[in-house]
PDB file of N, CA and C in Angstrom:
ATOM      1  N   MET A   1      76.599  84.285 107.663  1.00  0.00           N
ATOM      2  CA  MET A   1      75.627  84.841 107.958  1.00  0.00           C
ATOM      3  C   MET A   1      75.536  85.921 109.217  1.00  0.00           C
ATOM      4  N   LEU A   2      74.997  87.071 108.924  1.00  0.00           N
ATOM      5  CA  LEU A   2      74.947  88.245 109.859  1.00  0.00           C
ATOM      6  C   LEU A   2      74.111  87.803 111.167  1.00  0.00           C
ATOM      7  N   LYS A   3      74.732  87.983 112.324  1.00  0.00           N
ATOM      8  CA  LYS A   3      73.843  88.036 113.283  1.00  0.00           C
ATOM      9  C   LYS A   3      73.139  89.308 113.167  1.00  0.00           C
ATOM     10  N   GLU A   4      71.811  89.437 114.367  1.00  0.00           N
ATOM     11  CA  GLU A   4      70.590  90.537 114.024  1.00  0.00           C
ATOM     12  C   GLU A   4      71.647  91.452 114.545  1.00  0.00           C
ATOM     13  N   ASN A   5      72.405  91.627 115.697  1.00  0.00           N
ATOM     14  CA  ASN A   5      73.522  92.692 116.256  1.00  0.00           C
ATOM     15  C   ASN A   5      73.997  93.569 115.186  1.00  0.00           C
ATOM     16  N   ASP A   6      74.941  92.599 114.441  1.00  0.00           N
ATOM     17  CA  ASP A   6      75.740  93.004 113.274  1.00  0.00           C
ATOM     18  C   ASP A   6      75.024  93.899 112.557  1.00  0.00           C
ATOM     19  N   LEU A   7      73.707  93.497 112.165  1.00  0.00           N
ATOM     20  CA  LEU A   7      72.812  94.187 111.285  1.00  0.00           C
ATOM     21  C   LEU A   7      72.595  95.564 111.672  1.00  0.00           C
ATOM     22  N   SER A   8      72.106  95.319 113.192  1.00  0.00           N
ATOM     23  CA  SER A   8      71.568  96.647 113.703  1.00  0.00           C
ATOM     24  C   SER A   8      72.828  97.576 114.025  1.00  0.00           C
ATOM     25  N   VAL A   9      74.131  97.396 113.763  1.00  0.00           N
ATOM     26  CA  VAL A   9      75.258  98.170 114.155  1.00  0.00           C
ATOM     27  C   VAL A   9      75.454  98.921 112.850  1.00  0.00           C
ATOM     28  N   LYS A  10      75.344  97.898 111.506  1.00  0.00           N
ATOM     29  CA  LYS A  10      75.574  98.421 110.324  1.00  0.00           C
ATOM     30  C   LYS A  10      74.142  99.359 109.904  1.00  0.00           C
ATOM     31  N   THR A  11      73.094  99.222 110.439  1.00  0.00           N
ATOM     32  CA  THR A  11      71.822 100.082 110.134  1.00  0.00           C
ATOM     33  C   THR A  11      72.275 101.374 111.014  1.00  0.00           C
ATOM     34  N   ILE A  12      73.059 101.512 111.858  1.00  0.00           N
ATOM     35  CA  ILE A  12      73.144 102.423 112.777  1.00  0.00           C
ATOM     36  C   ILE A  12      73.858 103.316 112.295  1.00  0.00           C
ATOM     37  N   LEU A  13      75.342 102.330 111.579  1.00  0.00           N
ATOM     38  CA  LEU A  13      76.166 103.311 111.201  1.00  0.00           C
ATOM     39  C   LEU A  13      75.904 103.918 109.676  1.00  0.00           C
ATOM     40  N   ALA A  14      75.006 102.949 109.050  1.00  0.00           N
ATOM     41  CA  ALA A  14      74.529 103.846 107.951  1.00  0.00           C
ATOM     42  C   ALA A  14      73.533 104.735 107.883  1.00  0.00           C
ATOM     43  N   GLU A  15      72.821 104.936 108.875  1.00  0.00           N
ATOM     44  CA  GLU A  15      71.793 106.465 109.193  1.00  0.00           C
ATOM     45  C   GLU A  15      72.855 107.688 109.665  1.00  0.00           C
ATOM     46  N   LEU A  16      73.966 107.206 110.428  1.00  0.00           N
ATOM     47  CA  LEU A  16      74.703 108.333 110.316  1.00  0.00           C
ATOM     48  C   LEU A  16      75.264 108.933 109.599  1.00  0.00           C
ATOM     49  N   LYS A  17      75.713 107.918 108.484  1.00  0.00           N
ATOM     50  CA  LYS A  17      76.562 108.355 107.742  1.00  0.00           C
ATOM     51  C   LYS A  17      75.486 109.298 106.416  1.00  0.00           C
ATOM     52  N   ASN A  18      74.125 109.085 106.756  1.00  0.00           N
ATOM     53  CA  ASN A  18      73.514 109.000 105.913  1.00  0.00           C
ATOM     54  C   ASN A  18      73.026 111.028 106.451  1.00  0.00           C
ATOM     55  N   LEU A  19      72.965 110.671 108.054  1.00  0.00           N
ATOM     56  CA  LEU A  19      73.210 112.143 108.583  1.00  0.00           C
ATOM     57  C   LEU A  19      74.233 113.002 108.148  1.00  0.00           C
ATOM     58  N   LEU A  20      75.021 112.748 108.378  1.00  0.00           N
ATOM     59  CA  LEU A  20      76.723 113.473 107.939  1.00  0.00           C
ATOM     60  C   LEU A  20      76.542 113.935 106.461  1.00  0.00           C
ATOM     61  N   ASN A  21      76.065 112.791 105.611  1.00  0.00           N
ATOM     62  CA  ASN A  21      75.937 113.467 104.230  1.00  0.00           C
ATOM     63  C   ASN A  21      75.286 114.668 104.083  1.00  0.00           C
ATOM     64  N   GLU A  22      73.687 114.407 104.712  1.00  0.00           N
ATOM     65  CA  GLU A  22      72.962 115.608 104.795  1.00  0.00           C
ATOM     66  C   GLU A  22      73.495 117.007 105.506  1.00  0.00           C
ATOM     67  N   GLU A  23      74.232 116.478 106.693  1.00  0.00           N
ATOM     68  CA  GLU A  23      74.725 117.921 107.246  1.00  0.00           C
ATOM     69  C   GLU A  23      75.595 118.569 106.332  1.00  0.00           C
ATOM     70  N   ARG A  24      76.880 117.803 106.064  1.00  0.00           N
ATOM     71  CA  ARG A  24      77.790 118.531 105.151  1.00  0.00           C
ATOM     72  C   ARG A  24      77.020 119.310 103.762  1.00  0.00           C
ATOM     73  N   LYS A  25      75.922 118.676 103.137  1.00  0.00           N
ATOM     74  CA  LYS A  25      75.235 119.439 101.969  1.00  0.00           C
ATOM     75  C   LYS A  25      74.959 120.689 102.899  1.00  0.00           C
ATOM     76  N   LEU A  26      74.204 120.681 103.636  1.00  0.00           N
ATOM     77  CA  LEU A  26      73.722 121.956 103.887  1.00  0.00           C
ATOM     78  C   LEU A  26      74.367 122.822 105.000  1.00  0.00           C
ATOM     79  N   LEU A  27      75.983 122.544 104.864  1.00  0.00           N
ATOM     80  CA  LEU A  27      77.238 123.764 105.503  1.00  0.00           C
ATOM     81  C   LEU A  27      77.804 123.711 104.372  1.00  0.00           C
ATOM     82  N   LEU A  28      77.531 122.898 103.334  1.00  0.00           N
ATOM     83  CA  LEU A  28      77.978 123.713 101.735  1.00  0.00           C
ATOM     84  C   LEU A  28      77.420 125.017 101.266  1.00  0.00           C
ATOM     85  N   SER A  29      76.346 125.078 101.687  1.00  0.00           N
ATOM     86  CA  SER A  29      75.596 126.167 101.378  1.00  0.00           C
ATOM     87  C   SER A  29      76.223 127.572 102.454  1.00  0.00           C
ATOM     88  N   PHE A  30      76.496 128.479 102.192  1.00  0.00           N
ATOM     89  CA  PHE A  30      77.043 129.516 103.206  1.00  0.00           C
ATOM     90  C   PHE A  30      76.540 130.878 103.234  1.00  0.00           C
ATOM     91  N   PRO A  31      76.126 131.321 104.239  1.00  0.00           N
ATOM     92  CA  PRO A  31      75.712 130.556 105.335  1.00  0.00           C
ATOM     93  C   PRO A  31      74.419 129.687 105.210  1.00  0.00           C
ATOM     94  N   PRO A  32      74.647 128.355 106.296  1.00  0.00           N
ATOM     95  CA  PRO A  32      73.682 127.633 106.233  1.00  0.00           C
ATOM     96  C   PRO A  32      72.321 127.980 106.091  1.00  0.00           C
ATOM     97  N   LYS A  33      71.314 127.787 105.188  1.00  0.00           N
ATOM     98  CA  LYS A  33      69.858 128.249 105.088  1.00  0.00           C
ATOM     99  C   LYS A  33      69.153 127.618 105.933  1.00  0.00           C
ATOM    100  N   ASN A  34      69.378 126.247 106.665  1.00  0.00           N
ATOM    101  CA  ASN A  34      68.278 125.829 107.117  1.00  0.00           C
ATOM    102  C   ASN A  34      68.997 125.192 108.175  1.00  0.00           C
ATOM    103  N   VAL A  35      69.180 125.911 109.240  1.00  0.00           N
ATOM    104  CA  VAL A  35      69.973 125.821 110.679  1.00  0.00           C
ATOM    105  C   VAL A  35      68.715 124.823 111.485  1.00  0.00           C
ATOM    106  N   SER A  36      67.425 124.747 111.142  1.00  0.00           N
ATOM    107  CA  SER A  36      66.289 124.142 112.525  1.00  0.00           C
ATOM    108  C   SER A  36      67.121 122.742 111.635  1.00  0.00           C
ATOM    109  N   ARG A  37      67.484 122.379 110.344  1.00  0.00           N
ATOM    110  CA  ARG A  37      67.552 120.919 110.116  1.00  0.00           C
ATOM    111  C   ARG A  37      69.117 120.599 110.918  1.00  0.00           C
ATOM    112  N   LEU A  38      69.940 121.464 110.783  1.00  0.00           N
ATOM    113  CA  LEU A  38      71.129 121.204 111.377  1.00  0.00           C
ATOM    114  C   LEU A  38      70.686 120.207 112.544  1.00  0.00           C
ATOM    115  N   GLU A  39      70.111 121.914 113.190  1.00  0.00           N
ATOM    116  CA  GLU A  39      69.995 121.263 114.863  1.00  0.00           C
ATOM    117  C   GLU A  39      69.147 119.800 114.918  1.00  0.00           C
ATOM    118  N   GLU A  40      68.522 119.520 114.037  1.00  0.00           N
ATOM    119  CA  GLU A  40      67.312 118.232 114.559  1.00  0.00           C
ATOM    120  C   GLU A  40      68.482 117.070 113.935  1.00  0.00           C
ATOM    121  N   ILE A  41      69.243 117.520 113.068  1.00  0.00           N
ATOM    122  CA  ILE A  41      70.637 116.442 112.553  1.00  0.00           C
ATOM    123  C   ILE A  41      71.308 116.156 113.889  1.00  0.00           C
ATOM    124  N   GLN A  42      71.450 117.136 114.549  1.00  0.00           N
ATOM    125  CA  GLN A  42      72.715 116.835 115.277  1.00  0.00           C
ATOM    126  C   GLN A  42      72.088 116.115 116.807  1.00  0.00           C
ATOM    127  N   GLU A  43      70.464 116.368 116.794  1.00  0.00           N
ATOM    128  CA  GLU A  43      70.392 115.471 117.961  1.00  0.00           C
ATOM    129  C   GLU A  43      70.036 114.285 117.512  1.00  0.00           C
ATOM    130  N   GLU A  44      69.615 113.777 116.168  1.00  0.00           N
ATOM    131  CA  GLU A  44      69.754 112.518 116.070  1.00  0.00           C
ATOM    132  C   GLU A  44      70.688 111.861 115.498  1.00  0.00           C
ATOM    133  N   LYS A  45      71.611 112.615 115.448  1.00  0.00           N
ATOM    134  CA  LYS A  45      73.335 112.006 115.521  1.00  0.00           C
ATOM    135  C   LYS A  45      73.334 111.439 117.099  1.00  0.00           C
ATOM    136  N   LYS A  46      73.245 112.436 118.358  1.00  0.00           N
ATOM    137  CA  LYS A  46      73.364 111.801 119.558  1.00  0.00           C
ATOM    138  C   LYS A  46      72.492 110.320 119.878  1.00  0.00           C
ATOM    139  N   LYS A  47      71.168 110.462 119.004  1.00  0.00           N
ATOM    140  CA  LYS A  47      70.379 109.436 119.430  1.00  0.00           C
ATOM    141  C   LYS A  47      71.229 108.441 118.981  1.00  0.00           C
ATOM    142  N   LEU A  48      71.600 107.962 117.796  1.00  0.00           N
ATOM    143  CA  LEU A  48      72.169 107.172 117.321  1.00  0.00           C
ATOM    144  C   LEU A  48      73.731 106.891 117.613  1.00  0.00           C
ATOM    145  N   LEU A  49      74.789 107.620 118.273  1.00  0.00           N
ATOM    146  CA  LEU A  49      75.649 107.352 119.150  1.00  0.00           C
ATOM    147  C   LEU A  49      75.690 106.772 120.449  1.00  0.00           C
ATOM    148  N   LEU A  50      74.133 106.975 120.727  1.00  0.00           N
ATOM    149  CA  LEU A  50      73.902 106.600 122.234  1.00  0.00           C
ATOM    150  C   LEU A  50      73.626 105.038 121.792  1.00  0.00           C
ATOM    151  N   GLU A  51      72.699 104.761 120.719  1.00  0.00           N
ATOM    152  CA  GLU A  51      72.213 103.218 120.571  1.00  0.00           C
ATOM    153  C   GLU A  51      73.497 102.684 120.056  1.00  0.00           C
ATOM    154  N   LEU A  52      74.673 103.167 119.643  1.00  0.00           N
ATOM    155  CA  LEU A  52      75.871 102.772 119.239  1.00  0.00           C
ATOM    156  C   LEU A  52      76.443 102.005 120.484  1.00  0.00           C
ATOM    157  N   SER A  53      76.714 103.004 121.194  1.00  0.00           N
ATOM    158  CA  SER A  53      77.262 102.591 122.262  1.00  0.00           C
ATOM    159  C   SER A  53      76.918 101.546 123.206  1.00  0.00           C
ATOM    160  N   SER A  54      75.559 101.327 123.147  1.00  0.00           N
ATOM    161  CA  SER A  54      75.336  99.757 123.704  1.00  0.00           C
ATOM    162  C   SER A  54      75.783  98.593 123.139  1.00  0.00           C
ATOM    163  N   PHE A  55      76.861  98.461 121.981  1.00  0.00           N
ATOM    164  CA  PHE A  55      77.230  97.254 121.584  1.00  0.00           C
ATOM    165  C   PHE A  55      78.935  97.561 121.709  1.00  0.00           C
ATOM    166  N   ASN A  56      79.353  96.506 121.977  1.00  0.00           N
ATOM    167  CA  ASN A  56      80.589  95.934 122.182  1.00  0.00           C
ATOM    168  C   ASN A  56      81.245  96.457 120.970  1.00  0.00           C
ATOM    169  N   THR A  57      82.754  96.752 121.326  1.00  0.00           N
ATOM    170  CA  THR A  57      83.689  97.611 120.356  1.00  0.00           C
ATOM    171  C   THR A  57      83.993  96.740 118.970  1.00  0.00           C
ATOM    172  N   GLU A  58      84.363  95.045 119.323  1.00  0.00           N
ATOM    173  CA  GLU A  58      84.390  94.156 118.250  1.00  0.00           C
ATOM    174  C   GLU A  58      83.297  94.494 116.974  1.00  0.00           C
ATOM    175  N   GLU A  59      82.076  94.659 117.703  1.00  0.00           N
ATOM    176  CA  GLU A  59      80.886  94.254 116.776  1.00  0.00           C
ATOM    177  C   GLU A  59      80.812  95.475 115.701  1.00  0.00           C
ATOM    178  N   VAL A  60      81.455  96.915 116.311  1.00  0.00           N
ATOM    179  CA  VAL A  60      81.431  97.962 115.597  1.00  0.00           C
ATOM    180  C   VAL A  60      82.696  98.289 114.754  1.00  0.00           C
ATOM    181  N   LYS A  61      83.580  97.538 115.094  1.00  0.00           N
ATOM    182  CA  LYS A  61      84.861  97.719 114.422  1.00  0.00           C
ATOM    183  C   LYS A  61      84.629  96.406 113.314  1.00  0.00           C
ATOM    184  N   LYS A  62      83.491  95.753 113.117  1.00  0.00           N
ATOM    185  CA  LYS A  62      83.544  94.837 111.582  1.00  0.00           C
ATOM    186  C   LYS A  62      83.051  95.880 110.715  1.00  0.00           C
ATOM    187  N   GLU A  63      82.579  96.853 111.278  1.00  0.00           N
ATOM    188  CA  GLU A  63      82.312  97.942 109.779  1.00  0.00           C
ATOM    189  C   GLU A  63      83.378  98.702 109.388  1.00  0.00           C
ATOM    190  N   ARG A  64      84.494  98.357 109.084  1.00  0.00           N
ATOM    191  CA  ARG A  64      85.343  99.502 108.915  1.00  0.00           C
ATOM    192  C   ARG A  64      85.126 100.212 107.942  1.00  0.00           C
ATOM    193  N   GLU A  65      84.650 100.156 106.537  1.00  0.00           N
ATOM    194  CA  GLU A  65      84.270 100.758 105.851  1.00  0.00           C
ATOM    195  C   GLU A  65      83.639 101.707 106.041  1.00  0.00           C
ATOM    196  N   LEU A  66      82.382 101.614 106.537  1.00  0.00           N
ATOM    197  CA  LEU A  66      81.562 102.924 106.868  1.00  0.00           C
ATOM    198  C   LEU A  66      82.174 103.143 108.033  1.00  0.00           C
ATOM    199  N   LEU A  67      82.938 102.581 108.998  1.00  0.00           N
ATOM    200  CA  LEU A  67      83.350 103.755 109.934  1.00  0.00           C
ATOM    201  C   LEU A  67      84.477 104.670 109.260  1.00  0.00           C
ATOM    202  N   SER A  68      85.111 104.209 108.230  1.00  0.00           N
ATOM    203  CA  SER A  68      86.065 105.037 107.480  1.00  0.00           C
ATOM    204  C   SER A  68      85.342 105.886 106.762  1.00  0.00           C
ATOM    205  N   GLU A  69      84.529 105.703 106.252  1.00  0.00           N
ATOM    206  CA  GLU A  69      83.508 106.603 105.058  1.00  0.00           C
ATOM    207  C   GLU A  69      82.932 108.037 106.289  1.00  0.00           C
ATOM    208  N   ILE A  70      82.402 107.415 107.595  1.00  0.00           N
ATOM    209  CA  ILE A  70      81.954 108.471 108.537  1.00  0.00           C
ATOM    210  C   ILE A  70      83.103 109.739 108.971  1.00  0.00           C
ATOM    211  N   GLN A  71      84.072 108.699 109.199  1.00  0.00           N
ATOM    212  CA  GLN A  71      85.558 109.374 109.659  1.00  0.00           C
ATOM    213  C   GLN A  71      85.747 110.793 108.573  1.00  0.00           C
ATOM    214  N   LYS A  72      85.511 110.308 106.960  1.00  0.00           N
ATOM    215  CA  LYS A  72      86.159 111.019 106.457  1.00  0.00           C
ATOM    216  C   LYS A  72      84.925 112.309 106.258  1.00  0.00           C
ATOM    217  N   LEU A  73      83.634 111.862 106.478  1.00  0.00           N
ATOM    218  CA  LEU A  73      82.331 112.906 106.536  1.00  0.00           C
ATOM    219  C   LEU A  73      83.113 114.073 107.634  1.00  0.00           C
ATOM    220  N   ASN A  74      83.016 113.266 108.960  1.00  0.00           N
ATOM    221  CA  ASN A  74      83.631 114.209 110.026  1.00  0.00           C
ATOM    222  C   ASN A  74      84.496 115.497 109.782  1.00  0.00           C
ATOM    223  N   THR A  75      85.626 114.519 109.345  1.00  0.00           N
ATOM    224  CA  THR A  75      86.692 115.683 108.892  1.00  0.00           C
ATOM    225  C   THR A  75      86.251 116.898 107.840  1.00  0.00           C
ATOM    226  N   SER A  76      85.168 116.238 107.225  1.00  0.00           N
ATOM    227  CA  SER A  76      85.174 117.468 106.069  1.00  0.00           C
ATOM    228  C   SER A  76      84.068 118.278 106.646  1.00  0.00           C
ATOM    229  N   ILE A  77      83.245 117.854 107.508  1.00  0.00           N
ATOM    230  CA  ILE A  77      82.363 118.620 108.078  1.00  0.00           C
ATOM    231  C   ILE A  77      82.709 119.472 109.008  1.00  0.00           C
ATOM    232  N   ALA A  78      83.594 119.552 109.824  1.00  0.00           N
ATOM    233  CA  ALA A  78      84.692 120.030 110.994  1.00  0.00           C
ATOM    234  C   ALA A  78      85.716 120.981 110.009  1.00  0.00           C
ATOM    235  N   ALA A  79      85.866 120.611 109.133  1.00  0.00           N
ATOM    236  CA  ALA A  79      86.907 121.765 108.059  1.00  0.00           C
ATOM    237  C   ALA A  79      85.542 122.812 107.457  1.00  0.00           C
ATOM    238  N   LEU A  80      84.696 122.493 107.362  1.00  0.00           N
ATOM    239  CA  LEU A  80      83.501 123.653 106.642  1.00  0.00           C
ATOM    240  C   LEU A  80      83.450 124.160 108.252  1.00  0.00           C
ATOM    241  N   ILE A  81      82.730 123.458 108.850  1.00  0.00           N
ATOM    242  CA  ILE A  81      82.814 124.834 110.582  1.00  0.00           C
ATOM    243  C   ILE A  81      83.708 125.734 110.822  1.00  0.00           C
ATOM    244  N   SER A  82      85.091 125.287 110.792  1.00  0.00           N
ATOM    245  CA  SER A  82      86.572 125.853 110.859  1.00  0.00           C
ATOM    246  C   SER A  82      86.129 126.977 110.014  1.00  0.00           C
ATOM    247  N   ASN A  83      86.005 126.684 108.774  1.00  0.00           N
ATOM    248  CA  ASN A  83      86.091 127.932 107.437  1.00  0.00           C
ATOM    249  C   ASN A  83      84.862 128.873 107.711  1.00  0.00           C
ATOM    250  N   GLY A  84      84.329 128.498 108.451  1.00  0.00           N
ATOM    251  CA  GLY A  84      82.648 129.223 108.689  1.00  0.00           C
ATOM    252  C   GLY A  84      83.347 129.849 109.743  1.00  0.00           C
ATOM    253  N   ILE A  85      83.899 129.717 111.087  1.00  0.00           N
ATOM    254  CA  ILE A  85      84.403 130.522 112.316  1.00  0.00           C
ATOM    255  C   ILE A  85      85.274 131.521 111.604  1.00  0.00           C
ATOM    256  N   SER A  86      86.440 131.189 111.079  1.00  0.00           N
ATOM    257  CA  SER A  86      87.471 132.043 110.260  1.00  0.00           C
ATOM    258  C   SER A  86      86.811 133.144 109.595  1.00  0.00           C
ATOM    259  N   PHE A  87      85.925 132.494 108.993  1.00  0.00           N
ATOM    260  CA  PHE A  87      85.331 133.958 107.882  1.00  0.00           C
ATOM    261  C   PHE A  87      84.605 134.818 108.906  1.00  0.00           C
ATOM    262  N   PHE A  88      83.726 134.361 110.021  1.00  0.00           N
ATOM    263  CA  PHE A  88      83.265 135.534 110.732  1.00  0.00           C
ATOM    264  C   PHE A  88      84.344 136.190 111.751  1.00  0.00           C
ATOM    265  N   GLU A  89      85.196 135.288 112.063  1.00  0.00           N
ATOM    266  CA  GLU A  89      86.415 136.128 112.669  1.00  0.00           C
ATOM    267  C   GLU A  89      87.314 137.366 112.174  1.00  0.00           C
ATOM    268  N   GLU A  90      86.936 137.024 110.483  1.00  0.00           N
ATOM    269  CA  GLU A  90      87.622 138.137 109.317  1.00  0.00           C
ATOM    270  C   GLU A  90      87.148 139.033 109.356  1.00  0.00           C
ATOM    271  N   ILE A  91      85.465 138.750 109.371  1.00  0.00           N
ATOM    272  CA  ILE A  91      84.425 139.955 109.593  1.00  0.00           C
ATOM    273  C   ILE A  91      84.883 140.705 110.118  1.00  0.00           C
ATOM    274  N   GLU A  92      84.312 140.143 111.569  1.00  0.00           N
ATOM    275  CA  GLU A  92      84.844 140.884 113.024  1.00  0.00           C
ATOM    276  C   GLU A  92      86.089 141.835 112.785  1.00  0.00           C
ATOM    277  N   LYS A  93      86.979 141.134 112.637  1.00  0.00           N
ATOM    278  CA  LYS A  93      88.722 141.912 113.008  1.00  0.00           C
ATOM    279  C   LYS A  93      88.231 142.834 111.958  1.00  0.00           C
ATOM    280  N   GLU A  94      87.557 143.181 110.171  1.00  0.00           N
ATOM    281  CA  GLU A  94      87.568 144.185 109.832  1.00  0.00           C
ATOM    282  C   GLU A  94      86.981 145.337 110.337  1.00  0.00           C
ATOM    283  N   LEU A  95      85.534 144.825 110.704  1.00  0.00           N
ATOM    284  CA  LEU A  95      84.352 145.723 111.539  1.00  0.00           C
ATOM    285  C   LEU A  95      85.011 146.478 112.986  1.00  0.00           C
ATOM    286  N   PHE A  96      86.189 145.854 113.219  1.00  0.00           N
ATOM    287  CA  PHE A  96      86.297 146.246 114.645  1.00  0.00           C
ATOM    288  C   PHE A  96      87.937 146.983 114.986  1.00  0.00           C
ATOM    289  N   GLY A  97      88.502 146.199 114.092  1.00  0.00           N
ATOM    290  CA  GLY A  97      89.931 146.588 113.669  1.00  0.00           C
ATOM    291  C   GLY A  97      91.038 145.825 114.878  1.00  0.00           C
ATOM    292  N   GLN A  98      90.455 144.312 114.970  1.00  0.00           N
ATOM    293  CA  GLN A  98      91.173 144.040 116.193  1.00  0.00           C
ATOM    294  C   GLN A  98      91.031 142.267 115.967  1.00  0.00           C
ATOM    295  N   ASN A  99      91.835 141.397 116.353  1.00  0.00           N
ATOM    296  CA  ASN A  99      92.207 140.252 116.217  1.00  0.00           C
ATOM    297  C   ASN A  99      91.399 139.748 117.419  1.00  0.00           C
ATOM    298  N   VAL A 100      90.359 139.166 117.013  1.00  0.00           N
ATOM    299  CA  VAL A 100      89.310 138.686 118.306  1.00  0.00           C
ATOM    300  C   VAL A 100      88.985 136.969 117.236  1.00  0.00           C
ATOM    301  N   THR A 101      89.434 136.017 118.464  1.00  0.00           N
ATOM    302  CA  THR A 101      88.834 134.878 118.389  1.00  0.00           C
ATOM    303  C   THR A 101      87.612 133.971 118.876  1.00  0.00           C
ATOM    304  N   TYR A 102      87.228 132.645 119.001  1.00  0.00           N
ATOM    305  CA  TYR A 102      86.591 132.669 119.950  1.00  0.00           C
ATOM    306  C   TYR A 102      87.194 131.403 120.863  1.00  0.00           C
ATOM    307  N   ASP A 103      88.359 131.482 121.262  1.00  0.00           N
ATOM    308  CA  ASP A 103      88.950 130.722 122.292  1.00  0.00           C
ATOM    309  C   ASP A 103      88.613 131.052 123.732  1.00  0.00           C
ATOM    310  N   GLU A 104      88.932 130.146 124.353  1.00  0.00           N
ATOM    311  CA  GLU A 104      88.999 130.802 125.759  1.00  0.00           C
ATOM    312  C   GLU A 104      89.633 132.032 126.222  1.00  0.00           C
ATOM    313  N   ARG A 105      90.931 132.385 125.681  1.00  0.00           N
ATOM    314  CA  ARG A 105      91.307 133.425 126.359  1.00  0.00           C
ATOM    315  C   ARG A 105      90.935 134.702 126.013  1.00  0.00           C
ATOM    316  N   ASN A 106      89.967 135.193 124.924  1.00  0.00           N
ATOM    317  CA  ASN A 106      89.418 135.926 124.582  1.00  0.00           C
ATOM    318  C   ASN A 106      87.750 135.928 123.999  1.00  0.00           C
ATOM    319  N   ARG A 107      87.451 135.197 125.062  1.00  0.00           N
ATOM    320  CA  ARG A 107      86.061 134.945 124.745  1.00  0.00           C
ATOM    321  C   ARG A 107      85.348 136.350 125.624  1.00  0.00           C
ATOM    322  N   LYS A 108      85.955 136.680 126.512  1.00  0.00           N
ATOM    323  CA  LYS A 108      85.628 137.921 127.088  1.00  0.00           C
ATOM    324  C   LYS A 108      85.676 139.138 126.427  1.00  0.00           C
ATOM    325  N   HIS A 109      86.393 139.090 125.318  1.00  0.00           N
ATOM    326  CA  HIS A 109      86.440 140.380 124.249  1.00  0.00           C
ATOM    327  C   HIS A 109      85.906 140.226 123.212  1.00  0.00           C
ATOM    328  N   ASN A 110      84.990 139.181 122.989  1.00  0.00           N
ATOM    329  CA  ASN A 110      84.325 139.076 121.350  1.00  0.00           C
ATOM    330  C   ASN A 110      83.234 140.107 121.651  1.00  0.00           C
ATOM    331  N   LEU A 111      82.123 139.847 120.501  1.00  0.00           N
ATOM    332  CA  LEU A 111      81.084 141.078 119.709  1.00  0.00           C
ATOM    333  C   LEU A 111      79.833 140.341 120.668  1.00  0.00           C
ATOM    334  N   PHE A 112      79.774 139.056 120.889  1.00  0.00           N
ATOM    335  CA  PHE A 112      78.907 138.389 121.335  1.00  0.00           C
ATOM    336  C   PHE A 112      78.208 138.683 122.563  1.00  0.00           C
ATOM    337  N   ASN A 113      79.330 139.010 123.279  1.00  0.00           N
ATOM    338  CA  ASN A 113      79.117 139.398 125.014  1.00  0.00           C
ATOM    339  C   ASN A 113      79.208 140.771 125.324  1.00  0.00           C
ATOM    340  N   LYS A 114      79.123 141.680 123.983  1.00  0.00           N
ATOM    341  CA  LYS A 114      79.034 142.806 123.993  1.00  0.00           C
ATOM    342  C   LYS A 114      80.183 143.580 124.868  1.00  0.00           C
ATOM    343  N   LYS A 115      81.569 142.997 125.221  1.00  0.00           N
ATOM    344  CA  LYS A 115      83.004 143.665 125.776  1.00  0.00           C
ATOM    345  C   LYS A 115      83.800 144.199 124.457  1.00  0.00           C
ATOM    346  N   ALA A 116      83.386 143.978 123.352  1.00  0.00           N
ATOM    347  CA  ALA A 116      84.387 144.200 122.366  1.00  0.00           C
ATOM    348  C   ALA A 116      84.011 145.657 121.907  1.00  0.00           C
TER     349      ALA A 116
END
């Protein structure tokens, strides 16, 4: 029989997984059509992770399957975001004829802070 805390961990992880699925679906349409919902998802994820941090590690580790699914979704989302950034960098490169990226070395020379 599951303890109440185990059920809570499972519920939180399931909700996090649902949010990640929704985020992934929103990011699949490029450019994202509902940016405000993406922002809401980020806030909801922060709240869930804060709740999850109140449990000990052993309680969370019991949900290996959900954790694995969450990890796969996070990897997929990170790839989508990275591809989006690369796309915009390529557009910027074509427009301005220079190789501009968003890392620390080139931050002072990009389109968004008007020094490009």
